[in-house]
Amino acid sequence: MPFWRGPVTPERLGGGITNLNFTVVDGGERYVVRVGDDLVVHQIMRFNERAASEAAHAAGISPEVVHSEPGILVMRHIEGRTCTPADMRDPARLAQVLPLLKRVHRELPRYLRGPALAFWVFHVIRDYAHTLAGTNSRFASRLGDFVDVAADLELAVGPIDLVFGHNDLLAGNFIDDGSRIWLIDWDYAGFNSPLFDLANLASHSDLDAAGEEWVLTTYFGRPPERLPYEAMKCASLLREAMWGMVSEFHSQLDFDYVGYAVDYLDRFGRAYSRFKAQG
């Protein structure tokens, strides 16, 4: 790329399951390069990722975007440790994450430029079902049930407070540099209910009941109504499972998408049983 000041040797980073990531050292500076085109089947549009990444940097949430061109996003490298689910269950780290998440929801939109997308998990589930209907997916016989369950969950969520969401709060998208937490990877960013990010955070990192209660009470300043939250958590898990189902047919990356789908479908089943018991 003309951006580089001299010859570079990219080194592959692990962890990416929708794009390829590399580190590059150029002129004494270290960068992360994300390589990936639009993934319409997953509703990922790279113009949206770039805009959200730039707004997140302006809000002090994410590293600086220093260059972009079609299919490529170059950011400054953050020296730190990629978090794990166990890290996210640490109360001290959660106490750092919650204010950061509030800034995403309330401050980031002040810096967002250009068109913006919405991320509505129930639309994603329906769209995934349409996509899978045209394949020989091993889950094809269950698609109608998935859509029906999602419709019930959508009703249970009810009216929402609209904020700007990250919508992909895997533990690996948080980096701890020793003094603060950074949030990266804005592929799925878009306007959404705050309940989705909170449920997504809890479900990806397996927060226990006390941890979830602390997160919800701290975020809202009071114990919230639990049924809409539990419905959103079920939807988050179902969407993640269906992401794996779709990726089996639409990704060329070396990753066990079927195993991923089965794992999250099992998590969804347990969460949905608890939801029905509450309802």
C-alpha atoms as a PDB file:
ATOM      1  CA  MET A   1       0.000   0.000   0.000  1.00  0.00           C
ATOM      2  CA  PRO A   2       1.231   3.533  -0.630  1.00  0.00           C
ATOM      3  CA  PHE A   3       0.576   4.230   3.057  1.00  0.00           C
ATOM      4  CA  TRP A   4       3.727   2.378   4.097  1.00  0.00           C
ATOM      5  CA  ARG A   5       6.989   4.308   4.250  1.00  0.00           C
ATOM      6  CA  GLY A   6       9.069   1.263   3.330  1.00  0.00           C
ATOM      7  CA  PRO A   7       8.911  -2.514   2.791  1.00  0.00           C
ATOM      8  CA  VAL A   8       6.846  -4.315   5.462  1.00  0.00           C
ATOM      9  CA  THR A   9       6.392  -7.920   6.539  1.00  0.00           C
ATOM     10  CA  PRO A  10       2.853  -8.540   7.846  1.00  0.00           C
ATOM     11  CA  GLU A  11       2.510 -11.050  10.679  1.00  0.00           C
ATOM     12  CA  ARG A  12      -0.797 -12.894  11.028  1.00  0.00           C
ATOM     13  CA  LEU A  13      -2.830 -12.269  14.178  1.00  0.00           C
ATOM     14  CA  GLY A  14      -5.101 -15.002  15.453  1.00  0.00           C
ATOM     15  CA  GLY A  15      -8.691 -14.598  16.578  1.00  0.00           C
ATOM     16  CA  GLY A  16     -10.410 -13.134  13.517  1.00  0.00           C
ATOM     17  CA  ILE A  17     -13.402 -15.196  12.402  1.00  0.00           C
ATOM     18  CA  THR A  18     -14.937 -12.735   9.931  1.00  0.00           C
ATOM     19  CA  ASN A  19     -11.762 -11.165   8.532  1.00  0.00           C
ATOM     20  CA  LEU A  20      -7.972 -11.501   8.514  1.00  0.00           C
ATOM     21  CA  ASN A  21      -5.845  -9.478  10.937  1.00  0.00           C
ATOM     22  CA  PHE A  22      -2.137  -8.690  10.709  1.00  0.00           C
ATOM     23  CA  THR A  23       0.428  -6.668  12.643  1.00  0.00           C
ATOM     24  CA  VAL A  24       2.824  -4.522  10.647  1.00  0.00           C
ATOM     25  CA  VAL A  25       5.861  -2.547  11.801  1.00  0.00           C
ATOM     26  CA  ASP A  26       6.632   0.466   9.609  1.00  0.00           C
ATOM     27  CA  GLY A  27       8.912   3.374  10.395  1.00  0.00           C
ATOM     28  CA  GLY A  28       9.264   2.219  14.000  1.00  0.00           C
ATOM     29  CA  GLU A  29       5.471   2.236  14.511  1.00  0.00           C
ATOM     30  CA  ARG A  30       3.315  -0.863  14.989  1.00  0.00           C
ATOM     31  CA  TYR A  31      -0.081  -1.155  13.315  1.00  0.00           C
ATOM     32  CA  VAL A  32      -2.940  -3.629  13.065  1.00  0.00           C
ATOM     33  CA  VAL A  33      -4.325  -4.225   9.572  1.00  0.00           C
ATOM     34  CA  ARG A  34      -7.814  -5.657   9.155  1.00  0.00           C
ATOM     35  CA  VAL A  35      -8.480  -7.213   5.753  1.00  0.00           C
ATOM     36  CA  GLY A  36     -12.028  -8.025   4.693  1.00  0.00           C
ATOM     37  CA  ASP A  37     -14.700  -7.052   2.204  1.00  0.00           C
ATOM     38  CA  ASP A  38     -18.377  -6.455   2.902  1.00  0.00           C
ATOM     39  CA  LEU A  39     -20.106  -9.550   4.280  1.00  0.00           C
ATOM     40  CA  VAL A  40     -23.690  -8.865   3.328  1.00  0.00           C
ATOM     41  CA  VAL A  41     -24.797 -12.306   4.509  1.00  0.00           C
ATOM     42  CA  HIS A  42     -23.760 -11.189   8.018  1.00  0.00           C
ATOM     43  CA  GLN A  43     -24.911  -7.580   7.455  1.00  0.00           C
ATOM     44  CA  ILE A  44     -21.328  -6.343   7.799  1.00  0.00           C
ATOM     45  CA  MET A  45     -20.629  -3.239   5.729  1.00  0.00           C
ATOM     46  CA  ARG A  46     -17.084  -1.957   5.895  1.00  0.00           C
ATOM     47  CA  PHE A  47     -18.045   1.724   5.478  1.00  0.00           C
ATOM     48  CA  ASN A  48     -19.997   1.323   8.711  1.00  0.00           C
ATOM     49  CA  GLU A  49     -17.111  -0.406  10.503  1.00  0.00           C
ATOM     50  CA  ARG A  50     -14.751   2.391   9.441  1.00  0.00           C
ATOM     51  CA  ALA A  51     -17.120   5.167  10.564  1.00  0.00           C
ATOM     52  CA  ALA A  52     -17.761   3.494  13.920  1.00  0.00           C
ATOM     53  CA  SER A  53     -14.029   2.871  14.436  1.00  0.00           C
ATOM     54  CA  GLU A  54     -13.215   6.511  13.745  1.00  0.00           C
ATOM     55  CA  ALA A  55     -15.988   7.711  16.065  1.00  0.00           C
ATOM     56  CA  ALA A  56     -14.844   5.291  18.774  1.00  0.00           C
ATOM     57  CA  HIS A  57     -11.322   6.705  18.580  1.00  0.00           C
ATOM     58  CA  ALA A  58     -12.634  10.263  18.783  1.00  0.00           C
ATOM     59  CA  ALA A  59     -14.572   9.248  21.891  1.00  0.00           C
ATOM     60  CA  GLY A  60     -11.424   7.751  23.455  1.00  0.00           C
ATOM     61  CA  ILE A  61     -12.721   4.168  23.285  1.00  0.00           C
ATOM     62  CA  SER A  62     -10.711   2.549  20.473  1.00  0.00           C
ATOM     63  CA  PRO A  63      -7.325   2.993  18.755  1.00  0.00           C
ATOM     64  CA  GLU A  64      -6.823   5.483  15.942  1.00  0.00           C
ATOM     65  CA  VAL A  65      -7.649   4.611  12.335  1.00  0.00           C
ATOM     66  CA  VAL A  66      -4.670   5.879  10.343  1.00  0.00           C
ATOM     67  CA  HIS A  67      -5.515   4.587   6.875  1.00  0.00           C
ATOM     68  CA  SER A  68      -8.340   2.918   4.989  1.00  0.00           C
ATOM     69  CA  GLU A  69      -9.000   1.757   1.456  1.00  0.00           C
ATOM     70  CA  PRO A  70     -11.467  -0.772   0.033  1.00  0.00           C
ATOM     71  CA  GLY A  71     -11.167  -3.969   2.050  1.00  0.00           C
ATOM     72  CA  ILE A  72      -8.435  -2.647   4.375  1.00  0.00           C
ATOM     73  CA  LEU A  73      -8.456  -0.787   7.683  1.00  0.00           C
ATOM     74  CA  VAL A  74      -5.175   0.207   9.371  1.00  0.00           C
ATOM     75  CA  MET A  75      -5.123   1.148  13.070  1.00  0.00           C
ATOM     76  CA  ARG A  76      -2.479   1.922  15.628  1.00  0.00           C
ATOM     77  CA  HIS A  77      -1.493  -1.114  17.664  1.00  0.00           C
ATOM     78  CA  ILE A  78      -2.413  -1.140  21.354  1.00  0.00           C
ATOM     79  CA  GLU A  79       0.150  -2.797  23.613  1.00  0.00           C
ATOM     80  CA  GLY A  80      -1.888  -4.857  26.019  1.00  0.00           C
ATOM     81  CA  ARG A  81      -3.479  -8.166  26.815  1.00  0.00           C
ATOM     82  CA  THR A  82      -6.499  -9.487  24.959  1.00  0.00           C
ATOM     83  CA  CYS A  83      -9.139 -10.337  27.554  1.00  0.00           C
ATOM     84  CA  THR A  84     -10.617 -13.782  28.125  1.00  0.00           C
ATOM     85  CA  PRO A  85     -14.068 -14.722  29.471  1.00  0.00           C
ATOM     86  CA  ALA A  86     -12.447 -15.396  32.853  1.00  0.00           C
ATOM     87  CA  ASP A  87     -11.007 -11.855  32.802  1.00  0.00           C
ATOM     88  CA  MET A  88     -14.453 -10.424  32.133  1.00  0.00           C
ATOM     89  CA  ARG A  89     -15.861 -12.204  35.179  1.00  0.00           C
ATOM     90  CA  ASP A  90     -13.411 -10.321  37.418  1.00  0.00           C
ATOM     91  CA  PRO A  91     -15.459  -7.660  39.285  1.00  0.00           C
ATOM     92  CA  ALA A  92     -12.596  -5.157  39.076  1.00  0.00           C
ATOM     93  CA  ARG A  93     -12.430  -5.473  35.291  1.00  0.00           C
ATOM     94  CA  LEU A  94     -16.225  -5.308  34.949  1.00  0.00           C
ATOM     95  CA  ALA A  95     -16.057  -2.066  36.920  1.00  0.00           C
ATOM     96  CA  GLN A  96     -13.826  -0.702  34.135  1.00  0.00           C
ATOM     97  CA  VAL A  97     -15.929  -2.134  31.313  1.00  0.00           C
ATOM     98  CA  LEU A  98     -19.318  -0.735  32.343  1.00  0.00           C
ATOM     99  CA  PRO A  99     -18.362   2.974  32.115  1.00  0.00           C
ATOM    100  CA  LEU A 100     -16.692   2.251  28.770  1.00  0.00           C
ATOM    101  CA  LEU A 101     -19.878   0.639  27.502  1.00  0.00           C
ATOM    102  CA  LYS A 102     -21.949   3.604  28.627  1.00  0.00           C
ATOM    103  CA  ARG A 103     -19.633   5.872  26.649  1.00  0.00           C
ATOM    104  CA  VAL A 104     -20.158   3.706  23.572  1.00  0.00           C
ATOM    105  CA  HIS A 105     -23.911   4.011  23.963  1.00  0.00           C
ATOM    106  CA  ARG A 106     -24.145   7.713  24.761  1.00  0.00           C
ATOM    107  CA  GLU A 107     -20.975   9.509  23.645  1.00  0.00           C
ATOM    108  CA  LEU A 108     -19.849   7.726  20.484  1.00  0.00           C
ATOM    109  CA  PRO A 109     -22.835   8.965  18.385  1.00  0.00           C
ATOM    110  CA  ARG A 110     -21.634  12.550  18.910  1.00  0.00           C
ATOM    111  CA  TYR A 111     -18.633  11.738  16.719  1.00  0.00           C
ATOM    112  CA  LEU A 112     -20.293   9.461  14.157  1.00  0.00           C
ATOM    113  CA  ARG A 113     -20.280  10.751  10.585  1.00  0.00           C
ATOM    114  CA  GLY A 114     -22.258   9.694   7.526  1.00  0.00           C
ATOM    115  CA  PRO A 115     -24.899   6.968   7.147  1.00  0.00           C
ATOM    116  CA  ALA A 116     -25.375   4.646  10.109  1.00  0.00           C
ATOM    117  CA  LEU A 117     -26.803   1.154  10.366  1.00  0.00           C
ATOM    118  CA  ALA A 118     -29.103  -0.408  12.942  1.00  0.00           C
ATOM    119  CA  PHE A 119     -28.497  -3.828  14.463  1.00  0.00           C
ATOM    120  CA  TRP A 120     -31.753  -5.520  15.434  1.00  0.00           C
ATOM    121  CA  VAL A 121     -31.068  -9.082  16.487  1.00  0.00           C
ATOM    122  CA  PHE A 122     -34.537 -10.319  15.587  1.00  0.00           C
ATOM    123  CA  HIS A 123     -34.186  -9.115  12.008  1.00  0.00           C
ATOM    124  CA  VAL A 124     -30.780 -10.816  11.852  1.00  0.00           C
ATOM    125  CA  ILE A 125     -32.267 -14.119  13.036  1.00  0.00           C
ATOM    126  CA  ARG A 126     -35.026 -13.934  10.423  1.00  0.00           C
ATOM    127  CA  ASP A 127     -32.552 -13.062   7.696  1.00  0.00           C
ATOM    128  CA  TYR A 128     -30.236 -15.913   8.706  1.00  0.00           C
ATOM    129  CA  ALA A 129     -33.197 -18.297   8.521  1.00  0.00           C
ATOM    130  CA  HIS A 130     -33.894 -17.153   4.943  1.00  0.00           C
ATOM    131  CA  THR A 131     -30.222 -17.625   4.063  1.00  0.00           C
ATOM    132  CA  LEU A 132     -30.065 -21.107   5.573  1.00  0.00           C
ATOM    133  CA  ALA A 133     -33.278 -22.170   3.841  1.00  0.00           C
ATOM    134  CA  GLY A 134     -31.321 -22.265   0.591  1.00  0.00           C
ATOM    135  CA  THR A 135     -28.663 -24.658   1.934  1.00  0.00           C
ATOM    136  CA  ASN A 136     -28.478 -28.258   3.076  1.00  0.00           C
ATOM    137  CA  SER A 137     -27.802 -27.136   6.642  1.00  0.00           C
ATOM    138  CA  ARG A 138     -28.003 -29.849   9.272  1.00  0.00           C
ATOM    139  CA  PHE A 139     -30.188 -27.397  11.215  1.00  0.00           C
ATOM    140  CA  ALA A 140     -32.695 -26.815   8.369  1.00  0.00           C
ATOM    141  CA  SER A 141     -35.557 -28.667  10.079  1.00  0.00           C
ATOM    142  CA  ARG A 142     -35.350 -26.305  13.059  1.00  0.00           C
ATOM    143  CA  LEU A 143     -35.388 -22.982  11.219  1.00  0.00           C
ATOM    144  CA  GLY A 144     -39.143 -22.471  11.594  1.00  0.00           C
ATOM    145  CA  ASP A 145     -38.869 -23.037  15.338  1.00  0.00           C
ATOM    146  CA  PHE A 146     -36.007 -20.554  15.580  1.00  0.00           C
ATOM    147  CA  VAL A 147     -38.055 -17.865  13.824  1.00  0.00           C
ATOM    148  CA  ASP A 148     -41.139 -18.528  15.982  1.00  0.00           C
ATOM    149  CA  VAL A 149     -39.112 -18.398  19.185  1.00  0.00           C
ATOM    150  CA  ALA A 150     -37.457 -15.154  18.064  1.00  0.00           C
ATOM    151  CA  ALA A 151     -40.884 -13.602  17.461  1.00  0.00           C
ATOM    152  CA  ASP A 152     -41.930 -14.442  21.028  1.00  0.00           C
ATOM    153  CA  LEU A 153     -38.683 -13.052  22.397  1.00  0.00           C
ATOM    154  CA  GLU A 154     -39.110  -9.847  20.386  1.00  0.00           C
ATOM    155  CA  LEU A 155     -42.529  -9.306  21.966  1.00  0.00           C
ATOM    156  CA  ALA A 156     -41.053  -9.918  25.412  1.00  0.00           C
ATOM    157  CA  VAL A 157     -38.363  -7.273  24.857  1.00  0.00           C
ATOM    158  CA  GLY A 158     -41.039  -4.650  24.141  1.00  0.00           C
ATOM    159  CA  PRO A 159     -40.276  -0.933  23.624  1.00  0.00           C
ATOM    160  CA  ILE A 160     -36.588  -0.031  23.767  1.00  0.00           C
ATOM    161  CA  ASP A 161     -34.280   2.851  24.588  1.00  0.00           C
ATOM    162  CA  LEU A 162     -32.254   3.447  21.407  1.00  0.00           C
ATOM    163  CA  VAL A 163     -28.478   3.822  21.799  1.00  0.00           C
ATOM    164  CA  PHE A 164     -25.430   3.117  19.646  1.00  0.00           C
ATOM    165  CA  GLY A 165     -24.236  -0.432  20.259  1.00  0.00           C
ATOM    166  CA  HIS A 166     -21.035  -2.358  19.648  1.00  0.00           C
ATOM    167  CA  ASN A 167     -23.089  -5.566  19.325  1.00  0.00           C
ATOM    168  CA  ASP A 168     -20.194  -8.049  19.436  1.00  0.00           C
ATOM    169  CA  LEU A 169     -18.901  -8.059  22.998  1.00  0.00           C
ATOM    170  CA  LEU A 170     -16.703 -11.120  22.888  1.00  0.00           C
ATOM    171  CA  ALA A 171     -14.090 -10.996  25.628  1.00  0.00           C
ATOM    172  CA  GLY A 172     -11.418 -10.902  22.910  1.00  0.00           C
ATOM    173  CA  ASN A 173     -12.669  -7.525  21.722  1.00  0.00           C
ATOM    174  CA  PHE A 174     -11.491  -5.927  24.982  1.00  0.00           C
ATOM    175  CA  ILE A 175      -7.789  -5.081  25.416  1.00  0.00           C
ATOM    176  CA  ASP A 176      -6.318  -4.303  28.840  1.00  0.00           C
ATOM    177  CA  ASP A 177      -3.162  -2.184  28.531  1.00  0.00           C
ATOM    178  CA  GLY A 178      -2.503  -2.277  32.281  1.00  0.00           C
ATOM    179  CA  SER A 179      -4.091   1.068  33.020  1.00  0.00           C
ATOM    180  CA  ARG A 180      -7.305   1.065  31.010  1.00  0.00           C
ATOM    181  CA  ILE A 181      -9.581  -1.026  28.791  1.00  0.00           C
ATOM    182  CA  TRP A 182      -9.926  -0.517  25.017  1.00  0.00           C
ATOM    183  CA  LEU A 183     -12.792  -1.837  22.891  1.00  0.00           C
ATOM    184  CA  ILE A 184     -12.029  -2.899  19.307  1.00  0.00           C
ATOM    185  CA  ASP A 185     -13.651  -4.522  16.228  1.00  0.00           C
ATOM    186  CA  TRP A 186     -16.709  -2.558  15.132  1.00  0.00           C
ATOM    187  CA  ASP A 187     -17.962  -4.909  12.387  1.00  0.00           C
ATOM    188  CA  TYR A 188     -21.515  -5.099  13.789  1.00  0.00           C
ATOM    189  CA  ALA A 189     -21.809  -1.590  15.216  1.00  0.00           C
ATOM    190  CA  GLY A 190     -25.172   0.125  14.927  1.00  0.00           C
ATOM    191  CA  PHE A 191     -28.114   1.592  16.763  1.00  0.00           C
ATOM    192  CA  ASN A 192     -29.764  -0.890  19.103  1.00  0.00           C
ATOM    193  CA  SER A 193     -31.144  -1.421  22.600  1.00  0.00           C
ATOM    194  CA  PRO A 194     -28.586  -1.255  25.434  1.00  0.00           C
ATOM    195  CA  LEU A 195     -30.057  -4.554  26.604  1.00  0.00           C
ATOM    196  CA  PHE A 196     -28.396  -6.311  23.677  1.00  0.00           C
ATOM    197  CA  ASP A 197     -24.854  -5.240  24.563  1.00  0.00           C
ATOM    198  CA  LEU A 198     -25.442  -6.078  28.231  1.00  0.00           C
ATOM    199  CA  ALA A 199     -26.888  -9.484  27.376  1.00  0.00           C
ATOM    200  CA  ASN A 200     -24.172 -10.099  24.776  1.00  0.00           C
ATOM    201  CA  LEU A 201     -21.467  -9.269  27.318  1.00  0.00           C
ATOM    202  CA  ALA A 202     -22.976 -11.623  29.904  1.00  0.00           C
ATOM    203  CA  SER A 203     -23.622 -14.511  27.535  1.00  0.00           C
ATOM    204  CA  HIS A 204     -20.206 -14.465  25.827  1.00  0.00           C
ATOM    205  CA  SER A 205     -18.319 -14.397  29.128  1.00  0.00           C
ATOM    206  CA  ASP A 206     -20.650 -16.672  31.139  1.00  0.00           C
ATOM    207  CA  LEU A 207     -21.313 -14.161  33.911  1.00  0.00           C
ATOM    208  CA  ASP A 208     -22.979 -15.774  36.907  1.00  0.00           C
ATOM    209  CA  ALA A 209     -26.286 -14.508  38.333  1.00  0.00           C
ATOM    210  CA  ALA A 210     -24.562 -12.173  40.795  1.00  0.00           C
ATOM    211  CA  GLY A 211     -22.377 -10.726  38.065  1.00  0.00           C
ATOM    212  CA  GLU A 212     -25.358 -10.115  35.787  1.00  0.00           C
ATOM    213  CA  GLU A 213     -27.305  -8.494  38.612  1.00  0.00           C
ATOM    214  CA  TRP A 214     -24.369  -6.203  39.359  1.00  0.00           C
ATOM    215  CA  VAL A 215     -23.965  -5.253  35.682  1.00  0.00           C
ATOM    216  CA  LEU A 216     -27.659  -4.438  35.231  1.00  0.00           C
ATOM    217  CA  THR A 217     -28.051  -2.539  38.498  1.00  0.00           C
ATOM    218  CA  THR A 218     -24.834  -0.591  37.932  1.00  0.00           C
ATOM    219  CA  TYR A 219     -25.704   0.275  34.339  1.00  0.00           C
ATOM    220  CA  PHE A 220     -29.274   1.408  34.996  1.00  0.00           C
ATOM    221  CA  GLY A 221     -28.805   2.684  38.555  1.00  0.00           C
ATOM    222  CA  ARG A 222     -31.589   0.397  39.771  1.00  0.00           C
ATOM    223  CA  PRO A 223     -32.648  -3.237  39.411  1.00  0.00           C
ATOM    224  CA  PRO A 224     -34.304  -3.358  35.965  1.00  0.00           C
ATOM    225  CA  GLU A 225     -37.201  -5.478  34.805  1.00  0.00           C
ATOM    226  CA  ARG A 226     -35.561  -8.827  34.095  1.00  0.00           C
ATOM    227  CA  LEU A 227     -37.857 -10.415  31.499  1.00  0.00           C
ATOM    228  CA  PRO A 228     -36.873  -8.092  28.585  1.00  0.00           C
ATOM    229  CA  TYR A 229     -33.217  -8.602  29.458  1.00  0.00           C
ATOM    230  CA  GLU A 230     -33.548 -12.390  29.610  1.00  0.00           C
ATOM    231  CA  ALA A 231     -35.386 -12.360  26.282  1.00  0.00           C
ATOM    232  CA  MET A 232     -32.567 -10.339  24.718  1.00  0.00           C
ATOM    233  CA  LYS A 233     -29.979 -12.735  26.137  1.00  0.00           C
ATOM    234  CA  CYS A 234     -31.787 -15.678  24.535  1.00  0.00           C
ATOM    235  CA  ALA A 235     -31.896 -13.812  21.229  1.00  0.00           C
ATOM    236  CA  SER A 236     -28.183 -12.980  21.476  1.00  0.00           C
ATOM    237  CA  LEU A 237     -27.316 -16.653  21.956  1.00  0.00           C
ATOM    238  CA  LEU A 238     -29.627 -17.832  19.158  1.00  0.00           C
ATOM    239  CA  ARG A 239     -28.203 -15.265  16.766  1.00  0.00           C
ATOM    240  CA  GLU A 240     -24.662 -16.377  17.632  1.00  0.00           C
ATOM    241  CA  ALA A 241     -25.561 -20.001  16.949  1.00  0.00           C
ATOM    242  CA  MET A 242     -27.129 -19.079  13.603  1.00  0.00           C
ATOM    243  CA  TRP A 243     -24.067 -17.003  12.745  1.00  0.00           C
ATOM    244  CA  GLY A 244     -22.068 -20.211  12.962  1.00  0.00           C
ATOM    245  CA  MET A 245     -24.643 -22.074  10.858  1.00  0.00           C
ATOM    246  CA  VAL A 246     -24.467 -19.465   8.090  1.00  0.00           C
ATOM    247  CA  SER A 247     -20.671 -19.189   8.276  1.00  0.00           C
ATOM    248  CA  GLU A 248     -20.336 -22.908   7.580  1.00  0.00           C
ATOM    249  CA  PHE A 249     -21.486 -22.165   4.013  1.00  0.00           C
ATOM    250  CA  HIS A 250     -20.186 -18.624   3.501  1.00  0.00           C
ATOM    251  CA  SER A 251     -16.724 -18.446   5.085  1.00  0.00           C
ATOM    252  CA  GLN A 252     -13.399 -19.647   3.711  1.00  0.00           C
ATOM    253  CA  LEU A 253     -11.550 -19.180   7.014  1.00  0.00           C
ATOM    254  CA  ASP A 254     -10.187 -22.198   8.868  1.00  0.00           C
ATOM    255  CA  PHE A 255     -12.561 -22.321  11.837  1.00  0.00           C
ATOM    256  CA  ASP A 256     -14.941 -24.913  13.338  1.00  0.00           C
ATOM    257  CA  TYR A 257     -18.183 -23.081  12.584  1.00  0.00           C
ATOM    258  CA  VAL A 258     -20.347 -26.166  13.173  1.00  0.00           C
ATOM    259  CA  GLY A 259     -18.855 -26.715  16.612  1.00  0.00           C
ATOM    260  CA  TYR A 260     -19.377 -23.024  17.348  1.00  0.00           C
ATOM    261  CA  ALA A 261     -23.038 -23.256  16.304  1.00  0.00           C
ATOM    262  CA  VAL A 262     -23.638 -26.372  18.403  1.00  0.00           C
ATOM    263  CA  ASP A 263     -22.030 -24.782  21.469  1.00  0.00           C
ATOM    264  CA  TYR A 264     -24.110 -21.612  21.251  1.00  0.00           C
ATOM    265  CA  LEU A 265     -27.275 -23.543  20.438  1.00  0.00           C
ATOM    266  CA  ASP A 266     -26.768 -25.505  23.645  1.00  0.00           C
ATOM    267  CA  ARG A 267     -26.269 -22.264  25.585  1.00  0.00           C
ATOM    268  CA  PHE A 268     -29.402 -20.849  23.969  1.00  0.00           C
ATOM    269  CA  GLY A 269     -31.427 -23.925  24.960  1.00  0.00           C
ATOM    270  CA  ARG A 270     -30.474 -23.547  28.621  1.00  0.00           C
ATOM    271  CA  ALA A 271     -31.157 -19.795  28.627  1.00  0.00           C
ATOM    272  CA  TYR A 272     -34.502 -20.243  26.873  1.00  0.00           C
ATOM    273  CA  SER A 273     -35.601 -22.844  29.436  1.00  0.00           C
ATOM    274  CA  ARG A 274     -34.863 -20.344  32.222  1.00  0.00           C
ATOM    275  CA  PHE A 275     -36.690 -17.614  30.303  1.00  0.00           C
ATOM    276  CA  LYS A 276     -39.824 -19.737  29.924  1.00  0.00           C
ATOM    277  CA  ALA A 277     -39.722 -20.627  33.611  1.00  0.00           C
ATOM    278  CA  GLN A 278     -39.709 -16.912  34.477  1.00  0.00           C
ATOM    279  CA  GLY A 279     -42.447 -16.026  31.989  1.00  0.00           C
END
